Amino acid sequence: MSDLETIKTAVKALDGKKAKDIKVIKIEDLSSLTNYFVLASGSSSTQVKALADEIEIKLRAVGLEPKRTEGYNGANWIVLDYIDVIFHIFHDETRDFYDLERLWTDGEIIPAEELI
């Protein structure tokens, strides 16, 4: 499965669970960390967990497992690391505080609407 197919599957899952402000940032030319960041927000810790769970369910169904998952217990910022794509699922206030979009302004924004 290509990176964009992985992202499309996850973005559709996020959209289906009413994630807010879904952003896809291509950073492969800027960092050796990963190829893409996918960011999304939820308005409660319950929704943040549900968003992360839905990504894992949908990607597991196509044979993908995260290499690492961080932040699930606190549910303010859950990171799902799929090597070439890293998902950041935030509680609204946490996302505003860390403002990853500002840190990666040199990355290419891929409109999530085009992936749904």
N, C-alpha and C. Protein backbone atom coordinates (compact mmCIF):
# COMPACT_ATOMS: atom_id res chain seq x y z
N MET A 1 0.84 -1.17 0.00
CA MET A 1 0.00 0.00 0.00
C MET A 1 0.89 1.24 0.00
N SER A 2 0.60 2.17 -0.91
CA SER A 2 1.40 3.40 -0.99
C SER A 2 1.08 4.33 0.18
N ASP A 3 1.96 5.30 0.39
CA ASP A 3 1.74 6.28 1.45
C ASP A 3 0.40 6.98 1.27
N LEU A 4 0.10 7.40 0.03
CA LEU A 4 -1.14 8.14 -0.19
C LEU A 4 -2.37 7.26 0.00
N GLU A 5 -2.28 5.99 -0.32
CA GLU A 5 -3.41 5.09 -0.05
C GLU A 5 -3.61 4.91 1.45
N THR A 6 -2.51 4.81 2.18
CA THR A 6 -2.58 4.73 3.64
C THR A 6 -3.25 5.98 4.19
N ILE A 7 -2.81 7.12 3.71
CA ILE A 7 -3.36 8.39 4.18
C ILE A 7 -4.84 8.51 3.82
N LYS A 8 -5.22 8.14 2.60
CA LYS A 8 -6.62 8.21 2.19
C LYS A 8 -7.50 7.35 3.09
N THR A 9 -7.05 6.14 3.39
CA THR A 9 -7.80 5.25 4.27
C THR A 9 -8.00 5.89 5.64
N ALA A 10 -6.94 6.44 6.18
CA ALA A 10 -7.00 7.05 7.51
C ALA A 10 -7.82 8.34 7.52
N VAL A 11 -7.67 9.16 6.50
CA VAL A 11 -8.41 10.42 6.43
C VAL A 11 -9.91 10.15 6.34
N LYS A 12 -10.29 9.15 5.57
CA LYS A 12 -11.71 8.77 5.49
C LYS A 12 -12.21 8.30 6.85
N ALA A 13 -11.38 7.55 7.56
CA ALA A 13 -11.75 7.09 8.90
C ALA A 13 -11.91 8.28 9.85
N LEU A 14 -10.97 9.21 9.80
CA LEU A 14 -11.05 10.40 10.64
C LEU A 14 -12.29 11.23 10.33
N ASP A 15 -12.55 11.41 9.05
CA ASP A 15 -13.71 12.18 8.64
C ASP A 15 -15.00 11.50 9.12
N GLY A 16 -15.04 10.19 9.03
CA GLY A 16 -16.21 9.43 9.48
C GLY A 16 -16.47 9.56 10.97
N LYS A 17 -15.43 9.82 11.74
CA LYS A 17 -15.57 9.99 13.18
C LYS A 17 -15.60 11.47 13.58
N LYS A 18 -15.81 12.33 12.60
CA LYS A 18 -15.98 13.77 12.85
C LYS A 18 -14.75 14.46 13.41
N ALA A 19 -13.57 14.05 12.95
CA ALA A 19 -12.34 14.75 13.34
C ALA A 19 -12.39 16.17 12.81
N LYS A 20 -11.75 17.06 13.54
CA LYS A 20 -11.70 18.46 13.13
C LYS A 20 -10.34 18.79 12.53
N ASP A 21 -10.37 19.69 11.56
CA ASP A 21 -9.16 20.30 11.00
C ASP A 21 -8.11 19.25 10.59
N ILE A 22 -8.49 18.33 9.72
CA ILE A 22 -7.56 17.30 9.25
C ILE A 22 -6.58 17.95 8.28
N LYS A 23 -5.30 17.76 8.54
CA LYS A 23 -4.25 18.31 7.68
C LYS A 23 -3.25 17.22 7.34
N VAL A 24 -2.81 17.21 6.08
CA VAL A 24 -1.77 16.30 5.62
C VAL A 24 -0.60 17.16 5.19
N ILE A 25 0.57 16.90 5.75
CA ILE A 25 1.77 17.67 5.43
C ILE A 25 2.84 16.72 4.91
N LYS A 26 3.26 16.96 3.68
CA LYS A 26 4.33 16.17 3.08
C LYS A 26 5.66 16.79 3.50
N ILE A 27 6.48 15.99 4.20
CA ILE A 27 7.76 16.52 4.71
C ILE A 27 8.95 15.69 4.25
N GLU A 28 8.74 14.77 3.32
CA GLU A 28 9.82 13.85 2.95
C GLU A 28 11.07 14.56 2.43
N ASP A 29 10.92 15.74 1.83
CA ASP A 29 12.08 16.48 1.34
C ASP A 29 12.74 17.32 2.44
N LEU A 30 12.09 17.40 3.60
CA LEU A 30 12.58 18.24 4.69
C LEU A 30 13.19 17.47 5.85
N SER A 31 12.83 16.18 5.96
CA SER A 31 13.22 15.42 7.14
C SER A 31 13.38 13.94 6.79
N SER A 32 14.27 13.30 7.49
CA SER A 32 14.41 11.85 7.32
C SER A 32 13.51 11.11 8.32
N LEU A 33 12.78 11.85 9.13
CA LEU A 33 11.90 11.29 10.15
C LEU A 33 10.77 10.47 9.53
N THR A 34 10.11 11.01 8.52
CA THR A 34 8.97 10.38 7.89
C THR A 34 8.68 11.08 6.57
N ASN A 35 7.72 10.57 5.82
CA ASN A 35 7.32 11.22 4.57
C ASN A 35 6.16 12.18 4.76
N TYR A 36 5.22 11.81 5.64
CA TYR A 36 4.01 12.60 5.85
C TYR A 36 3.64 12.66 7.32
N PHE A 37 3.09 13.81 7.69
CA PHE A 37 2.38 13.96 8.95
C PHE A 37 0.91 14.12 8.61
N VAL A 38 0.06 13.46 9.38
CA VAL A 38 -1.38 13.69 9.28
C VAL A 38 -1.81 14.18 10.66
N LEU A 39 -2.44 15.35 10.70
CA LEU A 39 -2.87 15.96 11.95
C LEU A 39 -4.39 16.04 11.97
N ALA A 40 -4.97 15.80 13.13
CA ALA A 40 -6.41 15.93 13.31
C ALA A 40 -6.69 16.23 14.77
N SER A 41 -7.87 16.79 15.04
CA SER A 41 -8.23 17.16 16.40
C SER A 41 -9.57 16.56 16.79
N GLY A 42 -9.70 16.37 18.10
CA GLY A 42 -10.96 15.98 18.72
C GLY A 42 -11.25 16.92 19.86
N SER A 43 -12.52 17.01 20.24
CA SER A 43 -12.91 17.98 21.27
C SER A 43 -12.91 17.39 22.68
N SER A 44 -12.65 16.09 22.80
CA SER A 44 -12.59 15.46 24.13
C SER A 44 -11.58 14.32 24.08
N SER A 45 -11.14 13.89 25.26
CA SER A 45 -10.21 12.76 25.29
C SER A 45 -10.87 11.50 24.74
N THR A 46 -12.17 11.36 24.95
CA THR A 46 -12.90 10.21 24.40
C THR A 46 -12.87 10.23 22.88
N GLN A 47 -13.08 11.40 22.28
CA GLN A 47 -13.04 11.48 20.82
C GLN A 47 -11.63 11.28 20.29
N VAL A 48 -10.64 11.82 20.98
CA VAL A 48 -9.25 11.64 20.55
C VAL A 48 -8.91 10.14 20.50
N LYS A 49 -9.29 9.41 21.54
CA LYS A 49 -9.05 7.96 21.56
C LYS A 49 -9.83 7.27 20.45
N ALA A 50 -11.07 7.67 20.23
CA ALA A 50 -11.89 7.06 19.19
C ALA A 50 -11.29 7.29 17.80
N LEU A 51 -10.73 8.47 17.58
CA LEU A 51 -10.08 8.77 16.29
C LEU A 51 -8.87 7.88 16.08
N ALA A 52 -8.03 7.77 17.11
CA ALA A 52 -6.84 6.92 17.02
C ALA A 52 -7.24 5.46 16.82
N ASP A 53 -8.24 5.01 17.56
CA ASP A 53 -8.71 3.63 17.42
C ASP A 53 -9.20 3.36 16.00
N GLU A 54 -9.94 4.31 15.44
CA GLU A 54 -10.50 4.11 14.10
C GLU A 54 -9.40 4.02 13.04
N ILE A 55 -8.36 4.83 13.17
CA ILE A 55 -7.22 4.72 12.24
C ILE A 55 -6.62 3.32 12.34
N GLU A 56 -6.36 2.87 13.57
CA GLU A 56 -5.77 1.54 13.75
C GLU A 56 -6.65 0.44 13.19
N ILE A 57 -7.95 0.52 13.41
CA ILE A 57 -8.87 -0.50 12.90
C ILE A 57 -8.85 -0.54 11.37
N LYS A 58 -8.95 0.62 10.75
CA LYS A 58 -9.02 0.68 9.28
C LYS A 58 -7.68 0.26 8.65
N LEU A 59 -6.58 0.65 9.24
CA LEU A 59 -5.28 0.28 8.66
C LEU A 59 -4.93 -1.18 8.96
N ARG A 60 -5.34 -1.68 10.10
CA ARG A 60 -5.13 -3.09 10.41
C ARG A 60 -5.90 -3.96 9.39
N ALA A 61 -7.07 -3.51 8.97
CA ALA A 61 -7.89 -4.25 8.00
C ALA A 61 -7.19 -4.40 6.65
N VAL A 62 -6.23 -3.52 6.36
CA VAL A 62 -5.47 -3.64 5.11
C VAL A 62 -4.04 -4.12 5.38
N GLY A 63 -3.81 -4.65 6.58
CA GLY A 63 -2.53 -5.29 6.88
C GLY A 63 -1.45 -4.40 7.46
N LEU A 64 -1.80 -3.21 7.92
CA LEU A 64 -0.80 -2.30 8.48
C LEU A 64 -0.95 -2.19 9.99
N GLU A 65 0.18 -2.23 10.67
CA GLU A 65 0.23 -2.07 12.13
C GLU A 65 1.19 -0.91 12.45
N PRO A 66 0.88 -0.11 13.47
CA PRO A 66 1.81 0.96 13.83
C PRO A 66 3.08 0.38 14.43
N LYS A 67 4.20 1.02 14.11
CA LYS A 67 5.46 0.62 14.73
C LYS A 67 5.46 1.01 16.20
N ARG A 68 4.83 2.15 16.48
CA ARG A 68 4.81 2.65 17.85
C ARG A 68 3.56 3.52 18.03
N THR A 69 3.03 3.48 19.23
CA THR A 69 1.90 4.32 19.61
C THR A 69 2.27 5.01 20.92
N GLU A 70 2.07 6.31 20.98
CA GLU A 70 2.40 7.08 22.18
C GLU A 70 1.21 7.96 22.57
N GLY A 71 1.04 8.17 23.86
CA GLY A 71 0.09 9.14 24.37
C GLY A 71 -1.34 8.66 24.54
N TYR A 72 -1.59 7.39 24.34
CA TYR A 72 -2.96 6.89 24.38
C TYR A 72 -3.60 7.07 25.76
N ASN A 73 -2.86 6.82 26.80
CA ASN A 73 -3.44 6.91 28.15
C ASN A 73 -3.89 8.32 28.51
N GLY A 74 -3.10 9.32 28.16
CA GLY A 74 -3.47 10.70 28.46
C GLY A 74 -4.48 11.27 27.49
N ALA A 75 -4.43 10.82 26.26
CA ALA A 75 -5.37 11.21 25.19
C ALA A 75 -5.43 12.71 24.93
N ASN A 76 -4.33 13.41 25.18
CA ASN A 76 -4.23 14.81 24.76
C ASN A 76 -3.55 14.92 23.40
N TRP A 77 -2.63 13.98 23.15
CA TRP A 77 -1.90 13.94 21.88
C TRP A 77 -1.47 12.50 21.67
N ILE A 78 -2.13 11.83 20.75
CA ILE A 78 -1.80 10.45 20.44
C ILE A 78 -1.03 10.42 19.14
N VAL A 79 0.11 9.74 19.15
CA VAL A 79 0.95 9.60 17.96
C VAL A 79 0.92 8.14 17.53
N LEU A 80 0.56 7.93 16.28
CA LEU A 80 0.58 6.60 15.67
C LEU A 80 1.65 6.63 14.58
N ASP A 81 2.71 5.86 14.78
CA ASP A 81 3.86 5.88 13.88
C ASP A 81 3.79 4.68 12.94
N TYR A 82 3.51 4.96 11.68
CA TYR A 82 3.48 3.93 10.65
C TYR A 82 4.70 4.08 9.72
N ILE A 83 5.80 4.52 10.26
CA ILE A 83 7.09 4.73 9.60
C ILE A 83 7.02 5.87 8.57
N ASP A 84 6.41 5.62 7.42
CA ASP A 84 6.37 6.63 6.36
C ASP A 84 5.27 7.67 6.57
N VAL A 85 4.32 7.36 7.43
CA VAL A 85 3.24 8.27 7.77
C VAL A 85 3.08 8.26 9.29
N ILE A 86 3.12 9.44 9.88
CA ILE A 86 2.93 9.57 11.32
C ILE A 86 1.66 10.38 11.54
N PHE A 87 0.75 9.80 12.33
CA PHE A 87 -0.52 10.45 12.64
C PHE A 87 -0.43 11.11 14.00
N HIS A 88 -0.88 12.36 14.07
CA HIS A 88 -0.92 13.13 15.32
C HIS A 88 -2.38 13.45 15.57
N ILE A 89 -2.94 12.86 16.60
CA ILE A 89 -4.33 13.09 16.95
C ILE A 89 -4.34 13.89 18.26
N PHE A 90 -4.85 15.11 18.19
CA PHE A 90 -4.76 16.05 19.30
C PHE A 90 -6.11 16.34 19.93
N HIS A 91 -6.08 16.68 21.21
CA HIS A 91 -7.17 17.41 21.84
C HIS A 91 -7.00 18.85 21.35
N ASP A 92 -8.10 19.57 21.14
CA ASP A 92 -8.05 20.92 20.57
C ASP A 92 -7.00 21.82 21.20
N GLU A 93 -7.02 21.93 22.53
CA GLU A 93 -6.11 22.86 23.20
C GLU A 93 -4.65 22.44 23.04
N THR A 94 -4.40 21.15 23.05
CA THR A 94 -3.03 20.66 22.91
C THR A 94 -2.50 20.99 21.52
N ARG A 95 -3.34 20.82 20.52
CA ARG A 95 -2.92 21.15 19.15
C ARG A 95 -2.58 22.63 19.03
N ASP A 96 -3.43 23.48 19.60
CA ASP A 96 -3.16 24.92 19.56
C ASP A 96 -1.85 25.25 20.24
N PHE A 97 -1.56 24.60 21.35
CA PHE A 97 -0.35 24.88 22.12
C PHE A 97 0.91 24.50 21.35
N TYR A 98 0.93 23.29 20.77
CA TYR A 98 2.14 22.81 20.10
C TYR A 98 2.27 23.31 18.66
N ASP A 99 1.18 23.59 18.00
CA ASP A 99 1.16 24.23 16.68
C ASP A 99 2.16 23.62 15.69
N LEU A 100 2.04 22.32 15.47
CA LEU A 100 2.96 21.64 14.54
C LEU A 100 2.91 22.21 13.13
N GLU A 101 1.76 22.72 12.74
CA GLU A 101 1.66 23.32 11.40
C GLU A 101 2.66 24.46 11.23
N ARG A 102 2.84 25.24 12.27
CA ARG A 102 3.80 26.35 12.21
C ARG A 102 5.23 25.82 12.11
N LEU A 103 5.52 24.74 12.82
CA LEU A 103 6.87 24.17 12.79
C LEU A 103 7.22 23.57 11.43
N TRP A 104 6.21 23.13 10.69
CA TRP A 104 6.44 22.47 9.40
C TRP A 104 5.87 23.29 8.24
N THR A 105 5.98 24.62 8.32
CA THR A 105 5.42 25.48 7.28
C THR A 105 6.09 25.28 5.93
N ASP A 106 7.30 24.74 5.91
CA ASP A 106 7.98 24.49 4.65
C ASP A 106 7.48 23.21 3.98
N GLY A 107 6.69 22.44 4.68
CA GLY A 107 6.13 21.21 4.11
C GLY A 107 5.01 21.53 3.13
N GLU A 108 4.73 20.57 2.27
CA GLU A 108 3.66 20.73 1.28
C GLU A 108 2.34 20.27 1.89
N ILE A 109 1.37 21.18 1.95
CA ILE A 109 0.04 20.84 2.48
C ILE A 109 -0.75 20.15 1.37
N ILE A 110 -1.29 18.99 1.68
CA ILE A 110 -2.16 18.28 0.75
C ILE A 110 -3.56 18.40 1.33
N PRO A 111 -4.47 19.07 0.63
CA PRO A 111 -5.83 19.26 1.18
C PRO A 111 -6.50 17.91 1.47
N ALA A 112 -6.96 17.76 2.70
CA ALA A 112 -7.61 16.51 3.10
C ALA A 112 -8.87 16.26 2.29
N GLU A 113 -9.55 17.32 1.87
CA GLU A 113 -10.77 17.18 1.08
C GLU A 113 -10.52 16.39 -0.20
N GLU A 114 -9.33 16.50 -0.74
CA GLU A 114 -8.99 15.78 -1.98
C GLU A 114 -8.79 14.28 -1.72
N LEU A 115 -8.65 13.90 -0.47
CA LEU A 115 -8.38 12.51 -0.13
C LEU A 115 -9.61 11.75 0.36
N ILE A 116 -10.70 12.47 0.56
CA ILE A 116 -11.91 11.82 1.10
C ILE A 116 -12.74 11.26 -0.05
